[in-house]
Amino acid sequence: MSTSNYPSATPSQEPKKDYKGLIIALLAAGLLGTWGYLLWNNNKNEQTIQQKEATIAQVTDEKTELQRNFDASLARLDSVTGNNNALEGKLSEKNSEITKLKSEIRSILNKRNATAAELKRAKELIAQMNEKVANLEQEVARLTTENQQLNTDLTSEKTKTTQLTSDLATTTSQKVELEQKVDVASTLNAYNIAITPINEKKGGKEKVTSTAKRVDKLVISFDVDNRIAPAGQSDVYVLVTGPDGKPVSQETLGSGTFTTREEGDRPFTAKVPVKIETGKKTPVEFAWKPGENFQRGNYKIEIYHNGFKIGEGTRELKKGGLFG
């Protein structure tokens, strides 16, 4: 084997490149990048979740606060209206407005997933409601003051009415008493009482006689007057009692019974209407003709007016002469 300085005609073999390390490096770098992305993405998700949780918490807290405010408003409203039922009619219009607000607020707060816009609306409505409740409180205070004044005035008027009623009762009692006195005082006075037995002759002539069997009628006359008796017609009752002590009463001739103030009910023989003129004397005359024979003895005549006996007289009828 010889040694030569000339280059050989056969090409020499070059060493092979090693890519394994590069691939491993690239894979490692990709893996690190993936881990980094995953870590970054996970961190971002955690931040998003935290933000959402914070938002939810904020919304929940705001909703809770709104609920508390709403409950406080309802409590104020109950305090105003619950103790003022007497004013309910006057406050019905304001209560109607508040009722609408309550309904809308409840509708929002009862939602599980109320939005921020809805909670903002609820907050505005609660503010409106608080304002109306405040106005309602002022109105109730004003009406309460007015009612208290009215009650005071009413009490005063009741006191006056009680006094007036008492005075009226006293006045009425005095009036009744006065009317009774006037009624009694207006009773007629009877005087100049005369009882004349009459015998009726043929041809219409009349003759006074005291013989019982000849008497056809008794003419009773008297005068009446009173200074305060009201003018007008009034009835005078005449009771005739026969010699036998029995009242003379014939229903066919207008007899009956009447009520006296001191003797109870009594029969009357005749009721005589009398036309009275205040303060003037009025003559009264009527004839009692029973249609049967008169008895011998005394006939008693009693005159009544206004339930009181105002006069009486007696007339004796005799047996007659030698052949009587």
C-alpha atoms as a PDB file:
ATOM      1  CA  MET A   1       0.000   0.000   0.000  1.00  0.00           C
ATOM      2  CA  SER A   2       1.463   3.224  -1.110  1.00  0.00           C
ATOM      3  CA  THR A   3       1.053   6.580   0.240  1.00  0.00           C
ATOM      4  CA  SER A   4       0.206   9.465  -2.108  1.00  0.00           C
ATOM      5  CA  ASN A   5      -0.452  13.126  -1.651  1.00  0.00           C
ATOM      6  CA  TYR A   6      -2.994  13.230  -4.455  1.00  0.00           C
ATOM      7  CA  PRO A   7      -6.649  13.183  -3.724  1.00  0.00           C
ATOM      8  CA  SER A   8      -8.449   9.893  -4.095  1.00  0.00           C
ATOM      9  CA  ALA A   9     -10.899   9.422  -6.882  1.00  0.00           C
ATOM     10  CA  THR A  10     -13.513   7.692  -4.450  1.00  0.00           C
ATOM     11  CA  PRO A  11     -15.746  10.227  -2.559  1.00  0.00           C
ATOM     12  CA  SER A  12     -15.561  10.159   1.190  1.00  0.00           C
ATOM     13  CA  GLN A  13     -18.864   9.363   3.258  1.00  0.00           C
ATOM     14  CA  GLU A  14     -20.351  12.485   5.292  1.00  0.00           C
ATOM     15  CA  PRO A  15     -21.696  11.902   8.864  1.00  0.00           C
ATOM     16  CA  LYS A  16     -25.642  11.765   9.292  1.00  0.00           C
ATOM     17  CA  LYS A  17     -27.453  14.700  11.070  1.00  0.00           C
ATOM     18  CA  ASP A  18     -29.335  13.835  14.367  1.00  0.00           C
ATOM     19  CA  TYR A  19     -32.989  15.434  14.384  1.00  0.00           C
ATOM     20  CA  LYS A  20     -34.187  13.511  17.418  1.00  0.00           C
ATOM     21  CA  GLY A  21     -33.040  16.122  19.855  1.00  0.00           C
ATOM     22  CA  LEU A  22     -34.721  18.864  17.823  1.00  0.00           C
ATOM     23  CA  ILE A  23     -38.014  17.000  17.743  1.00  0.00           C
ATOM     24  CA  ILE A  24     -37.843  16.405  21.436  1.00  0.00           C
ATOM     25  CA  ALA A  25     -37.065  20.070  21.984  1.00  0.00           C
ATOM     26  CA  LEU A  26     -39.979  21.099  19.782  1.00  0.00           C
ATOM     27  CA  LEU A  27     -42.333  18.703  21.546  1.00  0.00           C
ATOM     28  CA  ALA A  28     -41.174  19.961  24.898  1.00  0.00           C
ATOM     29  CA  ALA A  29     -41.676  23.540  23.800  1.00  0.00           C
ATOM     30  CA  GLY A  30     -45.184  22.716  22.478  1.00  0.00           C
ATOM     31  CA  LEU A  31     -46.010  20.912  25.658  1.00  0.00           C
ATOM     32  CA  LEU A  32     -44.834  23.832  27.720  1.00  0.00           C
ATOM     33  CA  GLY A  33     -46.875  26.180  25.538  1.00  0.00           C
ATOM     34  CA  THR A  34     -49.972  24.023  25.941  1.00  0.00           C
ATOM     35  CA  TRP A  35     -49.508  23.909  29.657  1.00  0.00           C
ATOM     36  CA  GLY A  36     -49.050  27.636  29.704  1.00  0.00           C
ATOM     37  CA  TYR A  37     -52.178  28.171  27.645  1.00  0.00           C
ATOM     38  CA  LEU A  38     -54.118  25.812  29.819  1.00  0.00           C
ATOM     39  CA  LEU A  39     -52.878  27.575  32.905  1.00  0.00           C
ATOM     40  CA  TRP A  40     -53.685  30.955  31.406  1.00  0.00           C
ATOM     41  CA  ASN A  41     -57.113  29.843  30.220  1.00  0.00           C
ATOM     42  CA  ASN A  42     -57.886  28.255  33.558  1.00  0.00           C
ATOM     43  CA  ASN A  43     -56.831  31.432  35.331  1.00  0.00           C
ATOM     44  CA  LYS A  44     -59.011  33.476  32.974  1.00  0.00           C
ATOM     45  CA  ASN A  45     -61.971  31.164  33.588  1.00  0.00           C
ATOM     46  CA  GLU A  46     -61.461  31.468  37.316  1.00  0.00           C
ATOM     47  CA  GLN A  47     -61.437  35.247  36.970  1.00  0.00           C
ATOM     48  CA  THR A  48     -64.629  35.131  34.897  1.00  0.00           C
ATOM     49  CA  ILE A  49     -66.286  32.861  37.427  1.00  0.00           C
ATOM     50  CA  GLN A  50     -65.170  35.137  40.241  1.00  0.00           C
ATOM     51  CA  GLN A  51     -66.503  38.138  38.377  1.00  0.00           C
ATOM     52  CA  LYS A  52     -69.824  36.361  37.773  1.00  0.00           C
ATOM     53  CA  GLU A  53     -69.971  35.253  41.388  1.00  0.00           C
ATOM     54  CA  ALA A  54     -69.197  38.800  42.478  1.00  0.00           C
ATOM     55  CA  THR A  55     -71.915  40.096  40.150  1.00  0.00           C
ATOM     56  CA  ILE A  56     -74.391  37.507  41.444  1.00  0.00           C
ATOM     57  CA  ALA A  57     -73.446  38.355  45.005  1.00  0.00           C
ATOM     58  CA  GLN A  58     -73.835  42.044  44.249  1.00  0.00           C
ATOM     59  CA  VAL A  59     -77.230  41.465  42.624  1.00  0.00           C
ATOM     60  CA  THR A  60     -78.290  39.239  45.520  1.00  0.00           C
ATOM     61  CA  ASP A  61     -77.185  41.813  48.071  1.00  0.00           C
ATOM     62  CA  GLU A  62     -78.942  44.567  46.138  1.00  0.00           C
ATOM     63  CA  LYS A  63     -82.099  42.462  45.881  1.00  0.00           C
ATOM     64  CA  THR A  64     -81.932  41.694  49.606  1.00  0.00           C
ATOM     65  CA  GLU A  65     -81.471  45.367  50.378  1.00  0.00           C
ATOM     66  CA  LEU A  66     -84.385  46.238  48.104  1.00  0.00           C
ATOM     67  CA  GLN A  67     -86.527  43.630  49.873  1.00  0.00           C
ATOM     68  CA  ARG A  68     -85.613  45.141  53.237  1.00  0.00           C
ATOM     69  CA  ASN A  69     -86.482  48.610  51.988  1.00  0.00           C
ATOM     70  CA  PHE A  70     -89.753  47.316  50.555  1.00  0.00           C
ATOM     71  CA  ASP A  71     -90.645  45.569  53.819  1.00  0.00           C
ATOM     72  CA  ALA A  72     -89.854  48.758  55.733  1.00  0.00           C
ATOM     73  CA  SER A  73     -92.118  50.723  53.388  1.00  0.00           C
ATOM     74  CA  LEU A  74     -94.915  48.184  53.892  1.00  0.00           C
ATOM     75  CA  ALA A  75     -94.481  48.435  57.655  1.00  0.00           C
ATOM     76  CA  ARG A  76     -94.806  52.228  57.468  1.00  0.00           C
ATOM     77  CA  LEU A  77     -97.859  51.878  55.270  1.00  0.00           C
ATOM     78  CA  ASP A  78     -99.500  49.400  57.655  1.00  0.00           C
ATOM     79  CA  SER A  79     -98.764  51.735  60.531  1.00  0.00           C
ATOM     80  CA  VAL A  80    -100.435  54.598  58.719  1.00  0.00           C
ATOM     81  CA  THR A  81    -103.505  52.831  57.365  1.00  0.00           C
ATOM     82  CA  GLY A  82    -104.002  50.062  59.902  1.00  0.00           C
ATOM     83  CA  ASN A  83    -104.680  52.463  62.762  1.00  0.00           C
ATOM     84  CA  ASN A  84    -106.703  54.902  60.746  1.00  0.00           C
ATOM     85  CA  ASN A  85    -109.620  52.906  59.411  1.00  0.00           C
ATOM     86  CA  ALA A  86    -111.911  55.886  59.934  1.00  0.00           C
ATOM     87  CA  LEU A  87    -109.821  57.819  57.394  1.00  0.00           C
ATOM     88  CA  GLU A  88    -109.730  54.991  54.846  1.00  0.00           C
ATOM     89  CA  GLY A  89    -112.450  56.521  52.697  1.00  0.00           C
ATOM     90  CA  LYS A  90    -110.623  59.829  52.397  1.00  0.00           C
ATOM     91  CA  LEU A  91    -107.325  58.084  51.596  1.00  0.00           C
ATOM     92  CA  SER A  92    -108.670  55.486  49.166  1.00  0.00           C
ATOM     93  CA  GLU A  93    -107.267  57.213  46.077  1.00  0.00           C
ATOM     94  CA  LYS A  94    -103.749  57.393  47.516  1.00  0.00           C
ATOM     95  CA  ASN A  95    -104.020  53.790  48.721  1.00  0.00           C
ATOM     96  CA  SER A  96    -104.961  52.734  45.191  1.00  0.00           C
ATOM     97  CA  GLU A  97    -101.795  54.316  43.773  1.00  0.00           C
ATOM     98  CA  ILE A  98     -99.654  52.669  46.431  1.00  0.00           C
ATOM     99  CA  THR A  99    -101.323  49.308  45.788  1.00  0.00           C
ATOM    100  CA  LYS A 100    -100.250  49.474  42.134  1.00  0.00           C
ATOM    101  CA  LEU A 101     -96.669  50.232  43.156  1.00  0.00           C
ATOM    102  CA  LYS A 102     -96.648  47.351  45.657  1.00  0.00           C
ATOM    103  CA  SER A 103     -97.887  44.950  43.006  1.00  0.00           C
ATOM    104  CA  GLU A 104     -95.167  45.895  40.524  1.00  0.00           C
ATOM    105  CA  ILE A 105     -92.412  45.819  43.173  1.00  0.00           C
ATOM    106  CA  ARG A 106     -93.487  42.395  44.403  1.00  0.00           C
ATOM    107  CA  SER A 107     -93.546  41.132  40.829  1.00  0.00           C
ATOM    108  CA  ILE A 108     -89.874  42.123  40.383  1.00  0.00           C
ATOM    109  CA  LEU A 109     -88.635  40.939  43.782  1.00  0.00           C
ATOM    110  CA  ASN A 110     -90.370  37.582  43.395  1.00  0.00           C
ATOM    111  CA  LYS A 111     -88.301  36.821  40.261  1.00  0.00           C
ATOM    112  CA  ARG A 112     -85.397  34.450  40.925  1.00  0.00           C
ATOM    113  CA  ASN A 113     -83.243  35.895  38.181  1.00  0.00           C
ATOM    114  CA  ALA A 114     -84.210  39.557  38.258  1.00  0.00           C
ATOM    115  CA  THR A 115     -81.994  41.615  35.995  1.00  0.00           C
ATOM    116  CA  ALA A 116     -80.053  44.660  37.101  1.00  0.00           C
ATOM    117  CA  ALA A 117     -82.440  46.819  35.056  1.00  0.00           C
ATOM    118  CA  GLU A 118     -85.435  45.272  36.810  1.00  0.00           C
ATOM    119  CA  LEU A 119     -83.841  45.803  40.230  1.00  0.00           C
ATOM    120  CA  LYS A 120     -83.117  49.400  39.267  1.00  0.00           C
ATOM    121  CA  ARG A 121     -86.779  49.746  38.355  1.00  0.00           C
ATOM    122  CA  ALA A 122     -87.774  48.206  41.693  1.00  0.00           C
ATOM    123  CA  LYS A 123     -85.496  50.655  43.493  1.00  0.00           C
ATOM    124  CA  GLU A 124     -87.147  53.580  41.701  1.00  0.00           C
ATOM    125  CA  LEU A 125     -90.607  52.229  42.504  1.00  0.00           C
ATOM    126  CA  ILE A 126     -89.711  51.797  46.184  1.00  0.00           C
ATOM    127  CA  ALA A 127     -88.528  55.411  46.229  1.00  0.00           C
ATOM    128  CA  GLN A 128     -91.844  56.486  44.712  1.00  0.00           C
ATOM    129  CA  MET A 129     -93.697  54.360  47.229  1.00  0.00           C
ATOM    130  CA  ASN A 130     -91.760  55.860  50.151  1.00  0.00           C
ATOM    131  CA  GLU A 131     -92.597  59.325  48.881  1.00  0.00           C
ATOM    132  CA  LYS A 132     -96.287  58.484  48.639  1.00  0.00           C
ATOM    133  CA  VAL A 133     -96.239  56.862  52.094  1.00  0.00           C
ATOM    134  CA  ALA A 134     -94.609  60.018  53.473  1.00  0.00           C
ATOM    135  CA  ASN A 135     -97.331  62.113  51.856  1.00  0.00           C
ATOM    136  CA  LEU A 136     -99.875  59.683  53.236  1.00  0.00           C
ATOM    137  CA  GLU A 137     -98.429  60.072  56.727  1.00  0.00           C
ATOM    138  CA  GLN A 138     -98.722  63.842  56.436  1.00  0.00           C
ATOM    139  CA  GLU A 139    -102.284  63.545  55.189  1.00  0.00           C
ATOM    140  CA  VAL A 140    -103.184  61.173  58.004  1.00  0.00           C
ATOM    141  CA  ALA A 141    -101.624  63.533  60.532  1.00  0.00           C
ATOM    142  CA  ARG A 142    -103.623  66.426  59.095  1.00  0.00           C
ATOM    143  CA  LEU A 143    -106.876  64.462  59.017  1.00  0.00           C
ATOM    144  CA  THR A 144    -106.232  63.141  62.526  1.00  0.00           C
ATOM    145  CA  THR A 145    -105.799  66.693  63.779  1.00  0.00           C
ATOM    146  CA  GLU A 146    -108.996  67.688  62.018  1.00  0.00           C
ATOM    147  CA  ASN A 147    -110.811  64.701  63.505  1.00  0.00           C
ATOM    148  CA  GLN A 148    -109.553  65.561  66.962  1.00  0.00           C
ATOM    149  CA  GLN A 149    -110.842  69.086  66.499  1.00  0.00           C
ATOM    150  CA  LEU A 150    -114.122  67.740  65.198  1.00  0.00           C
ATOM    151  CA  ASN A 151    -114.363  65.415  68.204  1.00  0.00           C
ATOM    152  CA  THR A 152    -113.675  68.352  70.488  1.00  0.00           C
ATOM    153  CA  ASP A 153    -116.314  70.407  68.722  1.00  0.00           C
ATOM    154  CA  LEU A 154    -118.694  67.441  68.788  1.00  0.00           C
ATOM    155  CA  THR A 155    -118.154  66.973  72.515  1.00  0.00           C
ATOM    156  CA  SER A 156    -118.819  70.667  73.024  1.00  0.00           C
ATOM    157  CA  GLU A 157    -121.946  70.463  70.891  1.00  0.00           C
ATOM    158  CA  LYS A 158    -123.095  67.357  72.765  1.00  0.00           C
ATOM    159  CA  THR A 159    -122.657  69.239  76.014  1.00  0.00           C
ATOM    160  CA  LYS A 160    -124.664  72.125  74.601  1.00  0.00           C
ATOM    161  CA  THR A 161    -127.271  69.713  73.269  1.00  0.00           C
ATOM    162  CA  THR A 162    -127.503  68.001  76.647  1.00  0.00           C
ATOM    163  CA  GLN A 163    -127.981  71.373  78.284  1.00  0.00           C
ATOM    164  CA  LEU A 164    -130.528  72.381  75.670  1.00  0.00           C
ATOM    165  CA  THR A 165    -132.326  69.073  76.126  1.00  0.00           C
ATOM    166  CA  SER A 166    -132.372  69.621  79.867  1.00  0.00           C
ATOM    167  CA  ASP A 167    -133.585  73.174  79.388  1.00  0.00           C
ATOM    168  CA  LEU A 168    -136.158  71.976  76.895  1.00  0.00           C
ATOM    169  CA  ALA A 169    -137.357  69.296  79.296  1.00  0.00           C
ATOM    170  CA  THR A 170    -137.643  71.926  82.013  1.00  0.00           C
ATOM    171  CA  THR A 171    -139.364  74.308  79.638  1.00  0.00           C
ATOM    172  CA  THR A 172    -141.667  71.539  78.408  1.00  0.00           C
ATOM    173  CA  SER A 173    -142.488  70.585  81.978  1.00  0.00           C
ATOM    174  CA  GLN A 174    -143.151  74.214  82.796  1.00  0.00           C
ATOM    175  CA  LYS A 175    -145.182  74.560  79.609  1.00  0.00           C
ATOM    176  CA  VAL A 176    -147.258  71.488  80.456  1.00  0.00           C
ATOM    177  CA  GLU A 177    -147.731  72.780  83.962  1.00  0.00           C
ATOM    178  CA  LEU A 178    -148.701  76.185  82.625  1.00  0.00           C
ATOM    179  CA  GLU A 179    -151.035  74.616  80.075  1.00  0.00           C
ATOM    180  CA  GLN A 180    -152.649  72.614  82.858  1.00  0.00           C
ATOM    181  CA  LYS A 181    -153.082  75.775  84.892  1.00  0.00           C
ATOM    182  CA  VAL A 182    -154.463  77.610  81.891  1.00  0.00           C
ATOM    183  CA  ASP A 183    -156.716  74.652  81.142  1.00  0.00           C
ATOM    184  CA  VAL A 184    -158.061  74.646  84.669  1.00  0.00           C
ATOM    185  CA  ALA A 185    -158.272  78.416  84.737  1.00  0.00           C
ATOM    186  CA  SER A 186    -160.234  78.424  81.468  1.00  0.00           C
ATOM    187  CA  THR A 187    -163.041  76.434  83.086  1.00  0.00           C
ATOM    188  CA  LEU A 188    -166.296  78.367  82.824  1.00  0.00           C
ATOM    189  CA  ASN A 189    -168.027  79.906  85.798  1.00  0.00           C
ATOM    190  CA  ALA A 190    -171.782  79.242  86.076  1.00  0.00           C
ATOM    191  CA  TYR A 191    -174.115  81.516  88.007  1.00  0.00           C
ATOM    192  CA  ASN A 192    -177.720  82.808  88.034  1.00  0.00           C
ATOM    193  CA  ILE A 193    -178.842  79.184  87.902  1.00  0.00           C
ATOM    194  CA  ALA A 194    -182.614  78.869  87.557  1.00  0.00           C
ATOM    195  CA  ILE A 195    -184.848  75.762  87.273  1.00  0.00           C
ATOM    196  CA  THR A 196    -188.357  76.588  86.071  1.00  0.00           C
ATOM    197  CA  PRO A 197    -191.102  73.913  85.892  1.00  0.00           C
ATOM    198  CA  ILE A 198    -193.454  74.623  82.958  1.00  0.00           C
ATOM    199  CA  ASN A 199    -196.971  73.472  82.223  1.00  0.00           C
ATOM    200  CA  GLU A 200    -197.675  73.601  78.502  1.00  0.00           C
ATOM    201  CA  LYS A 201    -201.246  74.776  77.732  1.00  0.00           C
ATOM    202  CA  LYS A 202    -203.251  74.368  74.588  1.00  0.00           C
ATOM    203  CA  GLY A 203    -202.514  76.937  71.943  1.00  0.00           C
ATOM    204  CA  GLY A 204    -198.818  76.991  72.858  1.00  0.00           C
ATOM    205  CA  LYS A 205    -199.206  78.943  76.062  1.00  0.00           C
ATOM    206  CA  GLU A 206    -196.889  78.090  78.967  1.00  0.00           C
ATOM    207  CA  LYS A 207    -197.460  78.491  82.675  1.00  0.00           C
ATOM    208  CA  VAL A 208    -195.061  78.159  85.551  1.00  0.00           C
ATOM    209  CA  THR A 209    -196.234  75.589  88.073  1.00  0.00           C
ATOM    210  CA  SER A 210    -194.756  73.740  91.036  1.00  0.00           C
ATOM    211  CA  THR A 211    -197.313  70.934  90.963  1.00  0.00           C
ATOM    212  CA  ALA A 212    -195.521  67.777  89.902  1.00  0.00           C
ATOM    213  CA  LYS A 213    -198.354  66.229  87.888  1.00  0.00           C
ATOM    214  CA  ARG A 214    -198.854  69.408  85.846  1.00  0.00           C
ATOM    215  CA  VAL A 215    -195.177  69.884  84.925  1.00  0.00           C
ATOM    216  CA  ASP A 216    -194.380  69.023  81.310  1.00  0.00           C
ATOM    217  CA  LYS A 217    -190.747  70.197  81.239  1.00  0.00           C
ATOM    218  CA  LEU A 218    -188.015  71.788  83.276  1.00  0.00           C
ATOM    219  CA  VAL A 219    -186.408  74.878  81.771  1.00  0.00           C
ATOM    220  CA  ILE A 220    -182.852  75.181  83.047  1.00  0.00           C
ATOM    221  CA  SER A 221    -181.038  78.475  82.585  1.00  0.00           C
ATOM    222  CA  PHE A 222    -177.774  79.956  83.780  1.00  0.00           C
ATOM    223  CA  ASP A 223    -175.035  82.352  82.753  1.00  0.00           C
ATOM    224  CA  VAL A 224    -171.395  81.427  82.068  1.00  0.00           C
ATOM    225  CA  ASP A 225    -168.235  83.429  81.527  1.00  0.00           C
ATOM    226  CA  ASN A 226    -164.437  83.288  81.807  1.00  0.00           C
ATOM    227  CA  ARG A 227    -161.789  85.965  81.303  1.00  0.00           C
ATOM    228  CA  ILE A 228    -159.239  83.670  79.595  1.00  0.00           C
ATOM    229  CA  ALA A 229    -161.317  80.931  78.008  1.00  0.00           C
ATOM    230  CA  PRO A 230    -160.669  80.931  74.239  1.00  0.00           C
ATOM    231  CA  ALA A 231    -163.555  82.004  72.085  1.00  0.00           C
ATOM    232  CA  GLY A 232    -165.439  79.196  70.389  1.00  0.00           C
ATOM    233  CA  GLN A 233    -167.854  76.420  71.136  1.00  0.00           C
ATOM    234  CA  SER A 234    -167.525  74.228  74.223  1.00  0.00           C
ATOM    235  CA  ASP A 235    -169.739  71.551  75.732  1.00  0.00           C
ATOM    236  CA  VAL A 236    -171.455  71.907  79.094  1.00  0.00           C
ATOM    237  CA  TYR A 237    -172.826  68.765  80.739  1.00  0.00           C
ATOM    238  CA  VAL A 238    -176.003  68.880  82.852  1.00  0.00           C
ATOM    239  CA  LEU A 239    -176.894  66.080  85.261  1.00  0.00           C
ATOM    240  CA  VAL A 240    -180.457  65.918  86.587  1.00  0.00           C
ATOM    241  CA  THR A 241    -181.048  63.753  89.671  1.00  0.00           C
ATOM    242  CA  GLY A 242    -184.661  62.824  90.495  1.00  0.00           C
ATOM    243  CA  PRO A 243    -186.380  62.755  93.902  1.00  0.00           C
ATOM    244  CA  ASP A 244    -185.535  59.046  94.129  1.00  0.00           C
ATOM    245  CA  GLY A 245    -181.827  59.933  94.084  1.00  0.00           C
ATOM    246  CA  LYS A 246    -181.240  58.350  90.668  1.00  0.00           C
ATOM    247  CA  PRO A 247    -179.675  60.210  87.736  1.00  0.00           C
ATOM    248  CA  VAL A 248    -182.146  60.976  84.977  1.00  0.00           C
ATOM    249  CA  SER A 249    -180.653  59.532  81.795  1.00  0.00           C
ATOM    250  CA  GLN A 250    -182.317  58.628  78.503  1.00  0.00           C
ATOM    251  CA  GLU A 251    -180.072  57.626  75.614  1.00  0.00           C
ATOM    252  CA  THR A 252    -182.818  58.386  73.097  1.00  0.00           C
ATOM    253  CA  LEU A 253    -182.698  62.008  74.256  1.00  0.00           C
ATOM    254  CA  GLY A 254    -178.886  62.248  74.045  1.00  0.00           C
ATOM    255  CA  SER A 255    -177.888  61.143  77.545  1.00  0.00           C
ATOM    256  CA  GLY A 256    -174.603  59.346  78.156  1.00  0.00           C
ATOM    257  CA  THR A 257    -171.487  59.400  80.338  1.00  0.00           C
ATOM    258  CA  PHE A 258    -168.533  61.772  80.657  1.00  0.00           C
ATOM    259  CA  THR A 259    -165.293  61.904  82.640  1.00  0.00           C
ATOM    260  CA  THR A 260    -164.839  64.274  85.524  1.00  0.00           C
ATOM    261  CA  ARG A 261    -161.478  65.259  87.034  1.00  0.00           C
ATOM    262  CA  GLU A 262    -162.450  64.519  90.609  1.00  0.00           C
ATOM    263  CA  GLU A 263    -165.342  62.025  90.527  1.00  0.00           C
ATOM    264  CA  GLY A 264    -164.377  59.720  87.655  1.00  0.00           C
ATOM    265  CA  ASP A 265    -166.949  58.789  85.038  1.00  0.00           C
ATOM    266  CA  ARG A 266    -170.480  60.066  85.591  1.00  0.00           C
ATOM    267  CA  PRO A 267    -173.740  59.970  83.635  1.00  0.00           C
ATOM    268  CA  PHE A 268    -175.136  63.127  82.151  1.00  0.00           C
ATOM    269  CA  THR A 269    -178.691  64.003  81.318  1.00  0.00           C
ATOM    270  CA  ALA A 270    -177.945  66.484  78.546  1.00  0.00           C
ATOM    271  CA  LYS A 271    -174.903  67.846  76.710  1.00  0.00           C
ATOM    272  CA  VAL A 272    -175.397  71.493  75.885  1.00  0.00           C
ATOM    273  CA  PRO A 273    -173.156  73.236  73.332  1.00  0.00           C
ATOM    274  CA  VAL A 274    -172.237  76.758  74.402  1.00  0.00           C
ATOM    275  CA  LYS A 275    -170.757  79.489  72.218  1.00  0.00           C
ATOM    276  CA  ILE A 276    -168.171  81.281  74.352  1.00  0.00           C
ATOM    277  CA  GLU A 277    -166.860  84.817  73.959  1.00  0.00           C
ATOM    278  CA  THR A 278    -163.711  85.529  75.969  1.00  0.00           C
ATOM    279  CA  GLY A 279    -164.422  87.773  78.951  1.00  0.00           C
ATOM    280  CA  LYS A 280    -168.130  88.063  78.147  1.00  0.00           C
ATOM    281  CA  LYS A 281    -171.221  86.637  79.857  1.00  0.00           C
ATOM    282  CA  THR A 282    -173.038  84.003  77.841  1.00  0.00           C
ATOM    283  CA  PRO A 283    -176.632  83.042  78.752  1.00  0.00           C
ATOM    284  CA  VAL A 284    -177.484  79.359  78.460  1.00  0.00           C
ATOM    285  CA  GLU A 285    -180.973  77.881  78.447  1.00  0.00           C
ATOM    286  CA  PHE A 286    -182.398  74.506  77.536  1.00  0.00           C
ATOM    287  CA  ALA A 287    -185.508  72.496  78.334  1.00  0.00           C
ATOM    288  CA  TRP A 288    -185.563  68.997  79.739  1.00  0.00           C
ATOM    289  CA  LYS A 289    -188.712  67.187  78.640  1.00  0.00           C
ATOM    290  CA  PRO A 290    -188.492  63.483  79.514  1.00  0.00           C
ATOM    291  CA  GLY A 291    -191.913  62.563  78.012  1.00  0.00           C
ATOM    292  CA  GLU A 292    -193.169  61.077  81.292  1.00  0.00           C
ATOM    293  CA  ASN A 293    -194.684  62.367  84.479  1.00  0.00           C
ATOM    294  CA  PHE A 294    -192.479  64.172  86.935  1.00  0.00           C
ATOM    295  CA  GLN A 295    -192.329  62.902  90.530  1.00  0.00           C
ATOM    296  CA  ARG A 296    -193.008  64.859  93.648  1.00  0.00           C
ATOM    297  CA  GLY A 297    -189.899  65.937  95.498  1.00  0.00           C
ATOM    298  CA  ASN A 298    -186.614  67.726  94.819  1.00  0.00           C
ATOM    299  CA  TYR A 299    -184.879  67.697  91.425  1.00  0.00           C
ATOM    300  CA  LYS A 300    -181.190  68.413  91.699  1.00  0.00           C
ATOM    301  CA  ILE A 301    -179.375  70.044  88.744  1.00  0.00           C
ATOM    302  CA  GLU A 302    -175.546  69.810  88.453  1.00  0.00           C
ATOM    303  CA  ILE A 303    -173.585  71.658  85.769  1.00  0.00           C
ATOM    304  CA  TYR A 304    -170.114  70.485  84.571  1.00  0.00           C
ATOM    305  CA  HIS A 305    -167.519  72.007  82.269  1.00  0.00           C
ATOM    306  CA  ASN A 306    -163.956  70.898  81.497  1.00  0.00           C
ATOM    307  CA  GLY A 307    -164.368  67.981  83.933  1.00  0.00           C
ATOM    308  CA  PHE A 308    -165.223  70.255  86.871  1.00  0.00           C
ATOM    309  CA  LYS A 309    -168.555  70.930  88.537  1.00  0.00           C
ATOM    310  CA  ILE A 310    -169.227  74.640  88.000  1.00  0.00           C
ATOM    311  CA  GLY A 311    -172.657  74.999  89.586  1.00  0.00           C
ATOM    312  CA  GLU A 312    -175.779  73.287  90.928  1.00  0.00           C
ATOM    313  CA  GLY A 313    -179.342  74.055  91.925  1.00  0.00           C
ATOM    314  CA  THR A 314    -182.467  72.358  93.326  1.00  0.00           C
ATOM    315  CA  ARG A 315    -186.160  72.657  92.476  1.00  0.00           C
ATOM    316  CA  GLU A 316    -189.033  71.117  94.448  1.00  0.00           C
ATOM    317  CA  LEU A 317    -192.140  69.821  92.771  1.00  0.00           C
ATOM    318  CA  LYS A 318    -195.154  69.560  95.074  1.00  0.00           C
ATOM    319  CA  LYS A 319    -198.166  67.349  95.347  1.00  0.00           C
ATOM    320  CA  GLY A 320    -200.701  69.997  94.421  1.00  0.00           C
ATOM    321  CA  GLY A 321    -204.012  71.367  95.825  1.00  0.00           C
ATOM    322  CA  LEU A 322    -207.083  69.780  97.484  1.00  0.00           C
ATOM    323  CA  PHE A 323    -207.652  67.336  94.647  1.00  0.00           C
ATOM    324  CA  GLY A 324    -204.029  67.064  93.651  1.00  0.00           C
END
